[in-house]
Amino acid sequence: MRPEVSAFVADGPLPGQEDGEEEEIDRRARQLEAVPRPLTLAEAKALAGCFGPDDCYGLAWTMAHLIETAPGPVYTPEPASEAGAHARIRGWAVAAGLVAEDTGPGAPGGEDGGGFPA
């Protein structure tokens, strides 16, 4: 995984709009801007685990668009029903074929096998 992605993932999920300090949100935005495109599937999977409780002033959408640069769908666990914006963004990503809908124990995901699933 490239260092820019590792640094973002190491900082954990995006903060909520009401919880995040402006400085932290600006820093996370700069981190996302620094991530080289396209992502590998492993990088996309790692970023997919960084969604927070809401859209974090649009950063969740920036992250979703970054994830879509990967070469295929990315498995992400389904968010809790009260996840709000996270659930809406994930629903959009599933509908667009960017993340796998299957969340069971044998769910596909995140390996750089190349190509799209059949």
Protein backbone atom coordinates (compact mmCIF):
# COMPACT_ATOMS: atom_id res chain seq x y z
CA MET A 1 0.00 0.00 0.00
CA ARG A 2 1.35 3.43 -0.89
CA PRO A 3 2.36 5.69 2.02
CA GLU A 4 -0.37 8.29 1.33
CA VAL A 5 -3.08 5.64 1.70
CA SER A 6 -1.39 4.10 4.74
CA ALA A 7 -1.24 7.50 6.45
CA PHE A 8 -4.93 8.15 5.81
CA VAL A 9 -5.98 4.69 7.02
CA ALA A 10 -3.76 4.97 10.12
CA ASP A 11 -5.73 8.06 11.18
CA GLY A 12 -8.93 5.97 11.24
CA PRO A 13 -12.47 6.77 10.13
CA LEU A 14 -13.51 10.25 9.09
CA PRO A 15 -14.89 12.27 11.98
CA GLY A 16 -18.54 13.22 12.16
CA GLN A 17 -19.46 16.75 11.13
CA GLU A 18 -20.41 17.63 14.70
CA ASP A 19 -17.39 15.89 16.25
CA GLY A 20 -14.58 16.90 13.94
CA GLU A 21 -12.48 20.00 14.47
CA GLU A 22 -11.99 22.21 11.41
CA GLU A 23 -8.23 21.64 11.52
CA GLU A 24 -8.65 17.85 11.53
CA ILE A 25 -11.17 17.93 8.69
CA ASP A 26 -8.86 20.15 6.60
CA ARG A 27 -5.93 17.81 7.30
CA ARG A 28 -7.96 14.76 6.23
CA ALA A 29 -9.02 16.58 3.04
CA ARG A 30 -5.36 17.29 2.22
CA GLN A 31 -4.54 13.62 2.86
CA LEU A 32 -7.21 12.50 0.38
CA GLU A 33 -6.00 14.98 -2.22
CA ALA A 34 -2.47 13.57 -1.90
CA VAL A 35 -3.49 9.97 -2.65
CA PRO A 36 -2.26 8.95 -6.14
CA ARG A 37 -4.82 7.63 -8.56
CA PRO A 38 -5.83 5.00 -9.54
CA LEU A 39 -6.06 2.94 -6.36
CA THR A 40 -5.33 -0.75 -6.17
CA LEU A 41 -8.14 -2.95 -4.88
CA ALA A 42 -6.26 -3.41 -1.60
CA GLU A 43 -5.96 0.36 -1.16
CA ALA A 44 -9.63 0.86 -2.04
CA LYS A 45 -10.62 -1.80 0.51
CA ALA A 46 -8.52 -0.08 3.18
CA LEU A 47 -10.08 3.32 2.42
CA ALA A 48 -13.57 1.80 2.41
CA GLY A 49 -13.06 1.07 6.10
CA CYS A 50 -12.56 4.78 6.81
CA PHE A 51 -16.11 6.04 6.33
CA GLY A 52 -17.36 7.88 9.40
CA PRO A 53 -20.86 8.44 10.76
CA ASP A 54 -21.82 11.03 8.11
CA ASP A 55 -20.49 12.65 4.94
CA CYS A 56 -17.98 14.84 6.86
CA TYR A 57 -18.68 17.96 4.80
CA GLY A 58 -18.34 16.02 1.56
CA LEU A 59 -15.12 14.16 2.38
CA ALA A 60 -16.96 10.83 2.36
CA TRP A 61 -18.01 11.53 -1.23
CA THR A 62 -14.45 12.47 -2.13
CA MET A 63 -13.33 9.17 -0.65
CA ALA A 64 -16.07 7.26 -2.52
CA HIS A 65 -14.95 8.80 -5.82
CA LEU A 66 -11.35 7.93 -5.01
CA ILE A 67 -12.38 4.32 -4.29
CA GLU A 68 -14.09 4.14 -7.68
CA THR A 69 -10.69 4.57 -9.38
CA ALA A 70 -9.82 0.98 -8.33
CA PRO A 71 -10.08 -1.70 -11.03
CA GLY A 72 -13.17 -3.45 -9.64
CA PRO A 73 -15.76 -3.70 -6.89
CA VAL A 74 -14.55 -3.52 -3.31
CA TYR A 75 -16.12 -5.53 -0.50
CA THR A 76 -17.15 -3.35 2.43
CA PRO A 77 -19.13 -4.39 5.46
CA GLU A 78 -22.66 -3.06 5.52
CA PRO A 79 -23.00 -0.10 7.90
CA ALA A 80 -25.43 -0.10 10.77
CA SER A 81 -28.92 1.03 9.81
CA GLU A 82 -28.45 4.26 11.77
CA ALA A 83 -25.27 5.11 9.82
CA GLY A 84 -27.07 7.86 7.87
CA ALA A 85 -24.85 9.30 5.15
CA HIS A 86 -22.48 6.32 5.31
CA ALA A 87 -25.38 4.00 4.47
CA ARG A 88 -26.49 6.27 1.61
CA ILE A 89 -22.97 6.48 0.18
CA ARG A 90 -22.52 2.73 0.46
CA GLY A 91 -25.91 2.19 -1.21
CA TRP A 92 -24.79 4.42 -4.08
CA ALA A 93 -21.50 2.52 -4.33
CA VAL A 94 -23.30 -0.85 -4.42
CA ALA A 95 -25.72 0.40 -7.10
CA ALA A 96 -22.77 1.69 -9.16
CA GLY A 97 -21.00 -1.66 -8.85
CA LEU A 98 -18.10 -0.18 -6.89
CA VAL A 99 -18.57 -2.34 -3.82
CA ALA A 100 -19.86 -5.85 -3.49
CA GLU A 101 -23.33 -6.23 -2.03
CA ASP A 102 -22.64 -9.63 -0.44
CA THR A 103 -21.64 -9.14 3.19
CA GLY A 104 -21.71 -12.77 4.30
CA PRO A 105 -18.74 -14.69 5.68
CA GLY A 106 -17.54 -15.76 2.24
CA ALA A 107 -17.93 -12.30 0.71
CA PRO A 108 -15.45 -11.40 -1.99
CA GLY A 109 -13.12 -8.62 -1.56
CA GLY A 110 -10.20 -6.45 -1.86
CA GLU A 111 -7.58 -8.71 -3.32
CA ASP A 112 -5.72 -7.44 -6.36
CA GLY A 113 -6.78 -10.25 -8.62
CA GLY A 114 -7.55 -7.80 -11.42
CA GLY A 115 -10.65 -7.46 -13.52
CA PHE A 116 -14.28 -7.31 -12.57
CA PRO A 117 -16.18 -10.24 -11.09
CA ALA A 118 -18.38 -12.23 -13.44
